[in-house]
N, C-alpha and C. Protein backbone atom coordinates (compact mmCIF):
# COMPACT_ATOMS: atom_id res chain seq x y z
N MET A 1 7.90 -53.71 -10.09
CA MET A 1 6.53 -53.30 -8.82
C MET A 1 6.69 -51.89 -8.29
N LYS A 2 7.71 -51.84 -7.33
CA LYS A 2 7.85 -50.88 -6.63
C LYS A 2 8.48 -49.84 -7.41
N THR A 3 9.19 -49.85 -8.79
CA THR A 3 9.43 -48.95 -9.43
C THR A 3 8.20 -48.18 -10.12
N ALA A 4 7.41 -49.21 -10.43
CA ALA A 4 6.25 -48.06 -11.21
C ALA A 4 5.00 -48.21 -10.01
N LEU A 5 5.43 -48.12 -8.78
CA LEU A 5 4.99 -47.59 -7.71
C LEU A 5 5.10 -46.32 -7.32
N LYS A 6 7.00 -45.84 -7.75
CA LYS A 6 7.65 -45.02 -7.48
C LYS A 6 7.19 -44.18 -8.31
N ILE A 7 7.39 -44.21 -10.10
CA ILE A 7 6.79 -43.00 -10.66
C ILE A 7 5.30 -43.33 -10.49
N TYR A 8 4.73 -43.76 -10.53
CA TYR A 8 3.06 -43.21 -10.05
C TYR A 8 3.41 -42.22 -8.80
N SER A 9 3.95 -42.52 -7.94
CA SER A 9 4.16 -40.98 -6.43
C SER A 9 5.06 -40.05 -6.88
N PHE A 10 5.58 -40.07 -8.21
CA PHE A 10 6.26 -39.23 -8.35
C PHE A 10 5.60 -38.20 -9.44
N ALA A 11 4.52 -38.77 -10.01
CA ALA A 11 3.13 -38.29 -11.05
C ALA A 11 2.32 -37.84 -10.29
N LEU A 12 2.25 -38.47 -9.06
CA LEU A 12 0.82 -37.26 -8.53
C LEU A 12 1.48 -36.22 -8.08
N VAL A 13 2.67 -36.38 -7.62
CA VAL A 13 4.04 -35.09 -6.97
C VAL A 13 3.79 -33.99 -7.85
N LEU A 14 4.02 -34.67 -9.26
CA LEU A 14 4.35 -33.41 -10.33
C LEU A 14 3.43 -33.04 -10.72
N MET A 15 1.95 -33.54 -10.47
CA MET A 15 1.08 -33.00 -11.89
C MET A 15 -0.05 -31.30 -10.95
N PRO A 16 0.21 -30.93 -9.53
CA PRO A 16 -0.17 -30.47 -9.19
C PRO A 16 0.30 -28.89 -9.45
N ALA A 17 2.20 -29.10 -9.40
CA ALA A 17 3.00 -27.53 -10.41
C ALA A 17 2.91 -27.66 -11.74
N MET A 18 2.55 -28.80 -12.24
CA MET A 18 2.02 -28.97 -13.73
C MET A 18 0.97 -27.64 -13.76
N PHE A 19 0.19 -28.04 -12.79
CA PHE A 19 -1.28 -27.49 -13.18
C PHE A 19 -1.12 -26.28 -12.98
N LEU A 20 -0.49 -25.45 -11.42
CA LEU A 20 -0.25 -24.34 -11.43
C LEU A 20 0.49 -23.65 -12.82
N LEU A 21 1.75 -24.36 -12.81
CA LEU A 21 2.23 -23.82 -14.00
C LEU A 21 1.85 -23.20 -15.32
N ALA A 22 0.51 -24.96 -16.03
CA ALA A 22 0.16 -23.91 -17.03
C ALA A 22 -1.23 -22.91 -16.57
N GLN A 23 -1.94 -22.93 -15.59
CA GLN A 23 -2.93 -21.56 -15.11
C GLN A 23 -1.65 -19.56 -15.35
N VAL A 24 -0.17 -19.89 -14.57
CA VAL A 24 0.03 -19.02 -15.39
C VAL A 24 1.32 -19.01 -16.27
N SER A 25 1.02 -19.62 -17.58
CA SER A 25 1.45 -19.73 -19.08
C SER A 25 0.90 -18.28 -19.34
N LYS A 26 -0.51 -18.76 -19.62
CA LYS A 26 -0.67 -17.39 -20.61
C LYS A 26 -0.06 -15.80 -20.01
N TRP A 27 0.58 -15.52 -19.06
CA TRP A 27 0.78 -14.54 -18.29
C TRP A 27 2.66 -14.30 -18.28
N PRO A 28 3.27 -13.47 -18.44
CA PRO A 28 4.90 -13.24 -18.90
C PRO A 28 5.22 -13.61 -17.13
N VAL A 29 6.18 -14.75 -17.25
CA VAL A 29 7.14 -14.90 -15.66
C VAL A 29 7.72 -13.65 -15.31
N ILE A 30 7.53 -12.54 -14.39
CA ILE A 30 8.45 -11.63 -14.24
C ILE A 30 9.96 -11.95 -13.01
N ARG A 31 10.57 -10.70 -13.66
CA ARG A 31 12.25 -10.50 -13.45
C ARG A 31 11.53 -9.46 -11.30
N SER A 32 11.96 -9.79 -10.67
CA SER A 32 12.23 -9.28 -9.62
C SER A 32 12.15 -8.45 -9.31
N LEU A 33 10.91 -7.74 -9.16
CA LEU A 33 11.71 -5.69 -8.90
C LEU A 33 11.44 -5.65 -7.36
N GLU A 34 12.11 -4.59 -6.89
CA GLU A 34 12.15 -3.47 -5.67
C GLU A 34 12.97 -2.29 -5.73
N GLU A 35 11.45 -1.26 -5.52
CA GLU A 35 11.85 0.02 -5.61
C GLU A 35 11.43 0.92 -4.25
N LYS A 36 12.11 1.76 -3.75
CA LYS A 36 11.99 2.92 -2.74
C LYS A 36 11.81 4.23 -3.05
N ARG A 37 11.28 4.94 -2.07
CA ARG A 37 11.07 6.50 -2.93
C ARG A 37 10.43 6.76 -1.33
N ILE A 38 11.05 8.06 -1.21
CA ILE A 38 10.43 8.83 0.20
C ILE A 38 9.93 9.93 -0.69
N PHE A 39 9.35 10.14 0.28
CA PHE A 39 8.17 11.28 -0.06
C PHE A 39 8.04 12.37 1.27
N SER A 40 8.24 13.85 0.72
CA SER A 40 8.18 14.85 2.00
C SER A 40 7.35 15.77 1.70
N ASN A 41 6.59 15.89 2.17
CA ASN A 41 5.37 17.02 2.25
C ASN A 41 4.56 16.73 0.59
N PRO A 42 4.24 15.44 1.22
CA PRO A 42 3.29 14.92 -0.42
C PRO A 42 2.17 15.65 0.16
N GLY A 43 1.82 16.14 -1.69
CA GLY A 43 0.98 17.22 -1.94
C GLY A 43 0.80 18.62 -1.86
N LYS A 44 2.17 19.74 -0.76
CA LYS A 44 2.19 19.98 -0.23
C LYS A 44 2.17 21.37 -1.88
N ASP A 45 1.11 22.61 -1.43
CA ASP A 45 1.23 23.37 -2.76
C ASP A 45 0.66 22.60 -4.26
N ASN A 46 -0.29 22.21 -3.79
CA ASN A 46 -0.56 21.38 -5.18
C ASN A 46 0.42 20.09 -5.53
N ALA A 47 1.34 19.40 -5.02
CA ALA A 47 1.90 19.40 -6.22
C ALA A 47 2.25 17.34 -5.97
N ASP A 48 2.11 16.97 -7.05
CA ASP A 48 1.33 15.58 -7.00
C ASP A 48 3.38 14.88 -6.73
N THR A 49 3.04 13.14 -6.08
CA THR A 49 3.96 12.49 -6.13
C THR A 49 3.89 11.22 -7.04
N PRO A 50 4.83 11.52 -7.85
CA PRO A 50 4.67 10.74 -8.88
C PRO A 50 5.94 9.27 -9.18
N PHE A 51 5.48 8.34 -9.43
CA PHE A 51 6.03 7.09 -8.92
C PHE A 51 5.67 6.47 -10.70
N ILE A 52 7.01 5.46 -10.99
CA ILE A 52 6.83 4.60 -12.39
C ILE A 52 7.85 3.50 -12.05
N ALA A 53 7.49 2.87 -11.74
CA ALA A 53 8.48 1.16 -12.03
C ALA A 53 7.54 0.43 -13.32
N LEU A 54 8.93 -0.35 -14.09
CA LEU A 54 8.41 -1.11 -14.99
C LEU A 54 8.56 -2.99 -14.22
N ILE A 55 7.44 -3.58 -14.62
CA ILE A 55 7.58 -4.60 -14.44
C ILE A 55 8.60 -5.51 -15.53
N ARG A 56 9.41 -5.77 -15.49
CA ARG A 56 9.62 -6.78 -17.68
C ARG A 56 9.59 -8.51 -16.91
N ASP A 57 9.58 -9.02 -17.64
CA ASP A 57 9.51 -10.04 -18.08
C ASP A 57 10.63 -10.95 -17.96
N SER A 58 10.99 -12.13 -18.33
CA SER A 58 12.43 -12.92 -17.62
C SER A 58 12.72 -12.28 -19.39
N GLY A 59 12.68 -11.98 -20.42
CA GLY A 59 13.71 -11.58 -21.53
C GLY A 59 14.09 -10.21 -21.29
N GLY A 60 13.47 -9.19 -20.17
CA GLY A 60 13.92 -8.14 -20.04
C GLY A 60 12.81 -7.44 -20.71
N VAL A 61 11.64 -7.47 -20.98
CA VAL A 61 10.86 -6.65 -22.07
C VAL A 61 9.84 -6.01 -20.87
N PRO A 62 9.93 -4.74 -20.78
CA PRO A 62 8.75 -4.05 -19.94
C PRO A 62 7.07 -5.45 -19.98
N ALA A 63 6.15 -5.51 -18.96
CA ALA A 63 5.34 -6.32 -18.58
C ALA A 63 4.12 -5.67 -18.96
N TYR A 64 4.48 -4.74 -17.48
CA TYR A 64 3.45 -4.34 -16.46
C TYR A 64 4.24 -3.11 -16.19
N LYS A 65 3.46 -2.50 -16.15
CA LYS A 65 3.58 -0.59 -15.47
C LYS A 65 3.27 -0.09 -14.25
N LEU A 66 4.02 -0.09 -13.50
CA LEU A 66 2.79 0.78 -12.06
C LEU A 66 3.35 2.10 -12.08
N GLU A 67 1.62 2.50 -12.26
CA GLU A 67 2.38 3.78 -12.02
C GLU A 67 1.16 4.78 -10.84
N CYS A 68 1.82 5.63 -10.29
CA CYS A 68 1.45 6.30 -8.59
C CYS A 68 1.44 7.15 -8.87
N HIS A 69 0.43 7.84 -7.91
CA HIS A 69 0.38 9.52 -8.00
C HIS A 69 -0.63 10.17 -7.11
N ASN A 70 -1.22 11.44 -6.51
CA ASN A 70 -1.76 11.75 -5.76
C ASN A 70 -3.03 12.70 -6.43
N GLY A 71 -3.82 13.33 -5.82
CA GLY A 71 -5.44 13.70 -6.21
C GLY A 71 -4.95 15.02 -7.07
N ASN A 72 -3.58 15.36 -7.10
CA ASN A 72 -3.29 16.56 -7.62
C ASN A 72 -2.86 16.25 -8.94
N TYR A 73 -2.46 15.30 -9.35
CA TYR A 73 -2.39 14.22 -10.93
C TYR A 73 -3.37 15.09 -11.90
N ASP A 74 -3.33 15.88 -12.62
CA ASP A 74 -5.01 16.67 -13.56
C ASP A 74 -4.50 15.37 -14.97
N ASP A 75 -3.81 14.52 -14.84
CA ASP A 75 -3.87 13.66 -16.44
C ASP A 75 -4.74 12.21 -16.03
N GLU A 76 -5.62 12.36 -17.06
CA GLU A 76 -7.00 11.61 -16.38
C GLU A 76 -6.66 10.72 -17.95
N SER A 77 -5.61 10.38 -18.46
CA SER A 77 -5.14 9.64 -19.54
C SER A 77 -5.62 7.95 -18.98
N GLU A 78 -5.43 7.80 -17.77
CA GLU A 78 -5.49 6.28 -17.73
C GLU A 78 -6.16 6.22 -17.04
N ILE A 79 -6.38 6.71 -15.90
CA ILE A 79 -7.36 6.76 -14.15
C ILE A 79 -7.45 7.85 -13.77
N ASN A 80 -8.45 8.23 -13.04
CA ASN A 80 -8.55 9.92 -12.57
C ASN A 80 -7.53 9.07 -10.64
N PHE A 81 -6.40 9.71 -11.00
CA PHE A 81 -5.74 9.02 -9.36
C PHE A 81 -6.05 10.66 -9.01
N SER A 82 -6.73 9.52 -7.12
CA SER A 82 -6.90 10.66 -6.20
C SER A 82 -6.20 10.08 -4.90
N GLY A 83 -6.90 10.16 -3.86
CA GLY A 83 -6.23 10.10 -2.16
C GLY A 83 -5.10 10.98 -2.15
N ASP A 84 -4.29 10.15 -0.93
CA ASP A 84 -2.78 11.55 -0.95
C ASP A 84 -1.95 10.58 -1.61
N PHE A 85 -2.41 9.32 -1.89
CA PHE A 85 -1.13 8.24 -2.70
C PHE A 85 -2.03 7.51 -3.64
N GLN A 86 -1.90 7.08 -5.06
CA GLN A 86 -2.67 6.06 -5.32
C GLN A 86 -1.70 5.02 -6.67
N CYS A 87 -1.86 4.32 -6.80
CA CYS A 87 -1.05 2.95 -7.63
C CYS A 87 -1.42 2.32 -8.18
N ALA A 88 -1.88 2.38 -9.62
CA ALA A 88 -2.30 1.24 -10.67
C ALA A 88 -1.24 0.82 -11.11
N LEU A 89 -1.35 -0.66 -11.74
CA LEU A 89 -1.02 -1.57 -12.30
C LEU A 89 -1.63 -1.67 -13.66
N PHE A 90 -0.72 -1.48 -14.57
CA PHE A 90 -0.93 -2.23 -16.17
C PHE A 90 -0.29 -2.85 -16.98
N ALA A 91 -1.14 -3.91 -17.48
CA ALA A 91 -0.38 -4.41 -18.73
C ALA A 91 -0.06 -3.78 -19.39
N VAL A 92 1.02 -3.75 -20.55
CA VAL A 92 1.15 -3.01 -21.55
C VAL A 92 1.79 -4.07 -22.42
N LYS A 93 2.14 -3.64 -23.72
CA LYS A 93 2.60 -3.80 -24.92
C LYS A 93 3.12 -2.97 -25.73
N GLY A 94 4.84 -2.58 -25.31
CA GLY A 94 5.34 -1.80 -26.05
C GLY A 94 4.99 -0.30 -25.64
N ASN A 95 4.12 0.60 -26.19
CA ASN A 95 4.52 2.06 -25.29
C ASN A 95 2.70 1.45 -25.69
N THR A 96 1.87 0.57 -25.26
CA THR A 96 0.95 1.19 -24.97
C THR A 96 -0.29 0.75 -24.37
N LEU A 97 -0.44 0.68 -23.14
CA LEU A 97 -1.65 -0.41 -22.34
C LEU A 97 -2.30 -1.09 -22.95
N ALA A 98 -2.73 -2.63 -22.21
CA ALA A 98 -3.25 -3.74 -22.95
C ALA A 98 -3.92 -4.07 -21.93
N SER A 99 -4.49 -3.39 -20.54
CA SER A 99 -5.19 -3.39 -19.19
C SER A 99 -5.92 -1.97 -19.19
N GLY A 100 -7.10 -2.37 -18.29
CA GLY A 100 -7.29 -1.36 -17.23
C GLY A 100 -5.84 -1.63 -15.91
N ASN A 101 -7.48 -0.82 -15.16
CA ASN A 101 -6.05 -0.95 -13.57
C ASN A 101 -5.90 -2.12 -13.19
N LEU A 102 -5.07 -2.84 -12.86
CA LEU A 102 -5.05 -4.67 -12.74
C LEU A 102 -5.68 -4.78 -10.78
N LEU A 103 -4.77 -3.74 -10.44
CA LEU A 103 -4.78 -3.75 -8.78
C LEU A 103 -6.93 -3.63 -8.32
N ALA A 104 -7.74 -3.36 -9.12
CA ALA A 104 -9.16 -3.21 -8.60
C ALA A 104 -9.61 -4.88 -9.06
N ALA A 105 -9.93 -5.16 -7.67
CA ALA A 105 -10.33 -6.57 -7.74
C ALA A 105 -11.73 -6.84 -8.74
N ASN A 106 -12.36 -8.12 -9.02
CA ASN A 106 -12.83 -8.13 -9.74
C ASN A 106 -14.85 -8.15 -9.19
N THR A 107 -14.52 -7.15 -8.30
CA THR A 107 -16.29 -6.81 -7.77
C THR A 107 -16.60 -5.47 -8.14
N LYS A 108 -18.23 -5.69 -7.81
CA LYS A 108 -18.45 -4.56 -8.89
C LYS A 108 -18.20 -2.97 -7.38
N ASN A 109 -17.68 -2.83 -6.31
CA ASN A 109 -17.31 -2.33 -5.95
C ASN A 109 -16.13 -1.67 -6.58
N GLU A 110 -15.15 -2.48 -6.95
CA GLU A 110 -13.83 -1.95 -6.97
C GLU A 110 -14.16 -1.62 -8.11
N LEU A 111 -14.73 -2.15 -9.24
CA LEU A 111 -14.77 -1.81 -10.72
C LEU A 111 -15.71 -0.52 -10.91
N SER A 112 -16.66 -0.48 -10.09
CA SER A 112 -17.58 0.90 -10.39
C SER A 112 -16.56 2.09 -10.83
N THR A 113 -15.61 2.58 -10.13
CA THR A 113 -14.67 3.92 -10.20
C THR A 113 -13.03 3.26 -9.77
N ASP A 114 -12.58 4.60 -10.22
CA ASP A 114 -10.80 4.93 -9.87
C ASP A 114 -10.15 4.56 -9.10
N TRP A 115 -11.13 4.80 -7.61
CA TRP A 115 -10.73 5.01 -6.97
C TRP A 115 -11.36 4.09 -5.40
N TRP A 116 -11.93 2.87 -5.47
CA TRP A 116 -12.53 2.40 -4.85
C TRP A 116 -11.38 1.66 -5.05
N ASN A 117 -10.54 1.17 -4.73
CA ASN A 117 -9.45 0.11 -4.47
C ASN A 117 -8.47 0.18 -4.18
N ARG A 118 -7.48 -1.33 -2.95
CA ARG A 118 -6.55 -1.03 -2.39
C ARG A 118 -5.27 0.18 -2.83
N GLY A 119 -5.57 0.09 -4.06
CA GLY A 119 -4.33 0.64 -4.47
C GLY A 119 -3.88 2.12 -4.60
N ARG A 120 -4.91 2.57 -3.80
CA ARG A 120 -5.09 3.96 -3.34
C ARG A 120 -4.99 4.30 -1.47
N MET A 121 -4.45 5.25 -1.45
CA MET A 121 -4.17 5.23 -0.24
C MET A 121 -4.29 6.41 0.06
N ARG A 122 -5.03 6.63 1.76
CA ARG A 122 -5.73 8.45 2.61
C ARG A 122 -4.61 7.90 3.76
N SER A 123 -4.38 8.74 4.54
CA SER A 123 -3.56 9.25 5.20
C SER A 123 -4.33 8.86 6.46
N VAL A 124 -5.11 8.58 6.51
CA VAL A 124 -5.74 8.21 7.88
C VAL A 124 -6.41 6.60 8.18
N GLN A 125 -5.38 6.27 6.54
CA GLN A 125 -5.36 4.54 6.42
C GLN A 125 -3.77 3.77 7.53
N LEU A 126 -2.76 5.34 7.99
CA LEU A 126 -1.73 4.61 8.30
C LEU A 126 -1.82 5.05 9.44
N ARG A 127 -2.71 5.19 10.20
CA ARG A 127 -3.04 5.71 11.40
C ARG A 127 -3.62 4.86 12.44
N GLY A 128 -3.95 4.53 13.89
CA GLY A 128 -4.90 4.94 14.48
C GLY A 128 -5.63 3.56 14.33
N GLU A 129 -6.71 2.83 14.24
CA GLU A 129 -7.54 2.12 13.97
C GLU A 129 -6.95 1.37 13.05
N CYS A 130 -7.43 2.49 12.10
CA CYS A 130 -7.24 1.23 10.82
C CYS A 130 -5.60 0.43 10.53
N LEU A 131 -5.10 1.04 11.81
CA LEU A 131 -3.42 0.03 11.37
C LEU A 131 -3.92 -1.90 11.34
N LYS A 132 -5.04 -2.08 12.39
CA LYS A 132 -5.39 -3.42 12.45
C LYS A 132 -6.00 -3.88 11.20
N TYR A 133 -6.02 -3.50 10.53
CA TYR A 133 -6.49 -3.84 8.71
C TYR A 133 -5.30 -4.03 7.80
N PRO A 134 -3.94 -4.53 7.67
CA PRO A 134 -3.09 -4.22 7.14
C PRO A 134 -2.66 -4.28 5.89
N GLU A 135 -3.85 -4.77 5.54
CA GLU A 135 -4.39 -5.18 3.79
C GLU A 135 -4.96 -3.66 2.93
N TYR A 136 -5.20 -2.74 3.71
CA TYR A 136 -6.07 -1.23 3.99
C TYR A 136 -5.24 -1.14 4.24
N SER A 137 -3.86 -1.24 4.57
CA SER A 137 -3.37 -0.14 5.39
C SER A 137 -1.99 0.26 5.05
N THR A 138 -0.68 -0.49 5.70
CA THR A 138 0.74 -0.14 5.60
C THR A 138 1.35 -0.78 4.54
N VAL A 139 0.76 -2.54 4.81
CA VAL A 139 0.89 -3.21 3.85
C VAL A 139 0.30 -4.29 2.89
N ARG A 140 0.25 -4.14 1.57
CA ARG A 140 -1.26 -3.95 1.05
C ARG A 140 -0.01 -5.10 0.03
N HIS A 141 -0.52 -6.72 -0.16
CA HIS A 141 -0.45 -7.19 -0.87
C HIS A 141 -1.64 -7.56 -2.29
N PHE A 142 -1.30 -7.49 -3.65
CA PHE A 142 -1.95 -8.04 -4.62
C PHE A 142 -1.14 -9.10 -5.35
N LYS A 143 -2.37 -10.18 -5.54
CA LYS A 143 -2.33 -11.91 -6.21
C LYS A 143 -2.35 -11.50 -7.52
N LEU A 144 -2.45 -11.52 -8.65
CA LEU A 144 -2.43 -11.59 -9.51
C LEU A 144 -1.27 -12.17 -10.91
N ARG A 145 -1.99 -12.88 -12.19
CA ARG A 145 -0.83 -13.06 -13.36
C ARG A 145 0.64 -13.70 -13.03
N GLY A 146 0.38 -14.24 -11.93
CA GLY A 146 1.82 -15.04 -11.02
C GLY A 146 2.83 -14.47 -10.69
N ILE A 147 2.38 -13.12 -9.96
CA ILE A 147 2.68 -11.46 -9.41
C ILE A 147 2.17 -12.00 -7.51
N LEU A 148 2.86 -11.53 -7.25
CA LEU A 148 2.80 -11.03 -5.60
C LEU A 148 3.22 -9.55 -5.62
N LEU A 149 2.75 -8.61 -5.75
CA LEU A 149 2.75 -7.36 -5.75
C LEU A 149 2.69 -6.51 -4.02
N THR A 150 3.52 -6.34 -3.65
CA THR A 150 3.62 -5.98 -2.11
C THR A 150 4.22 -3.75 -2.55
N LEU A 151 2.81 -3.25 -1.56
CA LEU A 151 2.87 -2.28 -1.47
C LEU A 151 2.92 -1.71 0.22
N ARG A 152 4.01 -1.04 0.67
CA ARG A 152 4.29 -0.77 1.78
C ARG A 152 4.69 1.01 2.06
N PHE A 153 3.93 1.11 3.17
CA PHE A 153 4.58 2.18 3.88
C PHE A 153 4.69 2.42 4.80
N THR A 154 5.48 2.75 4.99
CA THR A 154 6.53 3.33 6.42
C THR A 154 7.04 4.39 6.17
N GLU A 155 7.99 4.47 7.65
CA GLU A 155 8.51 5.24 8.09
C GLU A 155 7.89 6.76 8.08
N THR A 156 6.36 6.36 8.64
CA THR A 156 5.33 7.76 8.02
C THR A 156 5.70 9.53 9.28
N GLU A 157 6.26 10.07 8.42
CA GLU A 157 5.96 11.42 9.85
C GLU A 157 4.49 12.17 9.45
N TRP A 158 3.96 12.64 10.05
CA TRP A 158 3.08 14.00 10.55
C TRP A 158 3.43 14.68 10.85
N SER A 159 2.18 16.16 9.92
CA SER A 159 2.73 17.45 10.00
C SER A 159 2.10 17.73 10.88
N ASN A 160 1.91 19.07 11.68
CA ASN A 160 1.25 19.90 12.09
C ASN A 160 -0.37 20.47 11.67
N ALA A 161 -0.67 19.55 9.98
CA ALA A 161 -1.54 20.40 9.63
C ALA A 161 -2.46 19.30 9.02
N LYS A 162 -3.93 19.48 9.24
CA LYS A 162 -4.89 18.66 9.48
C LYS A 162 -6.00 18.59 8.32
N ASP A 163 -6.06 17.76 8.45
CA ASP A 163 -7.45 17.38 7.24
C ASP A 163 -8.88 18.51 7.40
N PRO A 164 -9.71 18.06 6.96
CA PRO A 164 -11.44 18.81 7.24
C PRO A 164 -11.86 18.22 7.95
N GLN A 165 -11.37 16.92 8.42
CA GLN A 165 -12.03 16.43 9.88
C GLN A 165 -11.30 16.45 10.76
N GLY A 166 -10.16 16.81 10.82
CA GLY A 166 -8.94 17.32 12.10
C GLY A 166 -7.83 16.43 11.94
N ASN A 167 -8.33 15.65 10.81
CA ASN A 167 -6.69 14.54 11.62
C ASN A 167 -5.93 15.24 10.56
N PRO A 168 -4.35 14.31 11.72
CA PRO A 168 -3.20 15.20 10.89
C PRO A 168 -2.51 14.39 9.82
N LEU A 169 -2.35 15.75 8.73
CA LEU A 169 -1.92 15.14 7.56
C LEU A 169 -0.27 14.37 7.47
N ILE A 170 0.36 13.80 6.69
CA ILE A 170 1.61 13.00 6.46
C ILE A 170 2.41 14.44 5.86
N GLY A 171 2.99 13.92 6.97
CA GLY A 171 4.54 14.91 6.24
C GLY A 171 5.60 14.74 5.99
N LYS A 172 5.33 12.92 5.89
CA LYS A 172 6.79 12.69 5.21
C LYS A 172 6.22 10.01 4.97
N PHE A 173 6.77 9.91 4.04
CA PHE A 173 6.53 8.86 4.17
C PHE A 173 7.85 8.11 3.13
N THR A 174 7.71 6.66 3.34
CA THR A 174 8.56 5.62 2.45
C THR A 174 7.85 4.25 1.92
N PHE A 175 7.56 4.71 0.68
CA PHE A 175 6.67 3.96 -0.29
C PHE A 175 7.88 2.52 -1.41
N ILE A 176 7.79 1.63 -0.88
CA ILE A 176 8.25 1.03 -1.45
C ILE A 176 7.27 -0.32 -1.79
N ALA A 177 7.69 -0.48 -3.39
CA ALA A 177 7.45 -1.46 -4.31
C ALA A 177 7.95 -2.78 -4.44
N ASN A 178 7.31 -3.96 -4.24
CA ASN A 178 8.14 -5.24 -4.28
C ASN A 178 7.18 -6.54 -5.24
N ALA A 179 7.56 -6.63 -6.51
CA ALA A 179 7.12 -7.74 -7.18
C ALA A 179 8.22 -8.77 -7.38
N VAL A 180 7.23 -9.71 -6.82
CA VAL A 180 7.92 -11.24 -7.17
C VAL A 180 6.93 -12.42 -7.87
N PRO A 181 8.11 -13.40 -8.28
CA PRO A 181 6.96 -14.37 -9.39
C PRO A 181 6.44 -15.11 -7.98
N ASP A 182 4.46 -15.44 -8.30
CA ASP A 182 4.45 -16.03 -7.89
C ASP A 182 3.23 -17.64 -8.58
N PRO A 183 3.81 -18.58 -8.83
CA PRO A 183 2.71 -19.44 -9.44
C PRO A 183 1.14 -19.12 -8.99
N THR A 184 1.16 -19.75 -7.58
CA THR A 184 0.03 -19.83 -7.02
C THR A 184 -1.08 -18.68 -7.25
N ALA A 185 -0.23 -17.40 -7.75
CA ALA A 185 -1.34 -16.17 -8.33
C ALA A 185 -2.30 -15.94 -9.70
N LYS A 186 -3.27 -16.70 -9.77
CA LYS A 186 -3.77 -17.22 -10.80
C LYS A 186 -5.04 -16.61 -11.66
N SER A 187 -5.61 -15.28 -10.76
CA SER A 187 -6.33 -14.22 -10.52
C SER A 187 -5.82 -13.51 -12.08
N PRO A 188 -6.65 -12.99 -12.91
CA PRO A 188 -6.56 -11.93 -14.14
C PRO A 188 -6.14 -10.70 -13.50
N SER A 189 -6.98 -10.35 -12.53
CA SER A 189 -6.95 -8.50 -11.28
C SER A 189 -6.63 -8.94 -10.39
N ALA A 190 -6.30 -8.30 -9.15
CA ALA A 190 -6.01 -8.77 -7.84
C ALA A 190 -6.93 -9.62 -7.35
N GLU A 191 -6.47 -10.17 -6.14
CA GLU A 191 -7.24 -10.96 -5.88
C GLU A 191 -8.28 -10.29 -4.69
N GLU A 192 -8.95 -10.55 -4.44
CA GLU A 192 -10.07 -9.93 -2.98
C GLU A 192 -9.29 -10.97 -2.01
N VAL A 193 -9.19 -9.84 -1.17
CA VAL A 193 -8.45 -10.52 0.39
C VAL A 193 -9.39 -10.78 1.74
N GLU A 194 -8.70 -11.90 2.27
CA GLU A 194 -9.39 -12.60 3.27
C GLU A 194 -9.77 -11.59 4.15
N GLY A 195 -10.34 -12.31 5.67
CA GLY A 195 -10.22 -11.37 6.94
C GLY A 195 -11.39 -10.34 6.74
N ALA A 196 -11.74 -10.01 8.50
CA ALA A 196 -12.66 -8.58 8.41
C ALA A 196 -12.35 -7.50 7.13
N ALA A 197 -13.59 -6.91 6.37
CA ALA A 197 -13.35 -6.19 6.36
C ALA A 197 -13.25 -4.25 6.93
N PRO A 198 -12.33 -3.72 6.80
CA PRO A 198 -12.67 -2.46 7.43
C PRO A 198 -13.33 -2.01 7.67
N PRO A 199 -13.47 -0.61 8.69
CA PRO A 199 -15.07 -0.12 8.58
C PRO A 199 -14.36 1.16 7.37
N THR A 200 -15.73 1.88 7.04
CA THR A 200 -15.77 2.95 6.13
C THR A 200 -15.24 3.93 6.46
N SER A 201 -14.57 3.99 7.50
CA SER A 201 -13.43 5.39 8.06
C SER A 201 -12.51 5.19 7.76
N CYS A 202 -11.90 3.54 7.49
CA CYS A 202 -10.68 3.32 7.23
C CYS A 202 -10.58 3.00 5.56
N TYR A 203 -11.33 2.27 5.10
CA TYR A 203 -11.58 2.30 3.28
C TYR A 203 -13.01 2.14 3.53
N PRO A 204 -12.98 2.66 1.71
CA PRO A 204 -12.39 3.62 0.41
C PRO A 204 -12.06 4.76 1.44
């Protein structure tokens, strides 16, 4: 009888883990990734801020492409990048994109345009009142497809130049992208974040 109870208890513990595994099994399990890049005078003289990293599956095959640019990037073959720095995540199959931008959550606003999602960064989001909303500011987490993707903006330096609203422009920043497997991430695109939404001056 005790043996039967132990087996039953073990099955109860195992079932949630099996359920989570089944939820994410339709997507490849990824290898962890961390990439770091320092950008100085981003956007100066209409220059781009390119960043591309491949997220590979457990067998080493590229499964996703993380691609970032600023509003000076003039190739709209994938999305229309904008802002001071914008990242998009695409599923890939061979040399072909197999999805749209996965950093856009499944909401009316975020699906309405390329720029209305948390993958896009504007300099004003990294200072002042906007720092109170980290998921829209300096540290942004995206949970999807068995992945936890974290985008960080650190070591920010401000230039003497101003934008049309009188806010200082970024003179330098460090960008860090980190991706790790997360079996609790079951959404086909980025999950919506919890908590209070920032004011329109901070997002989008």
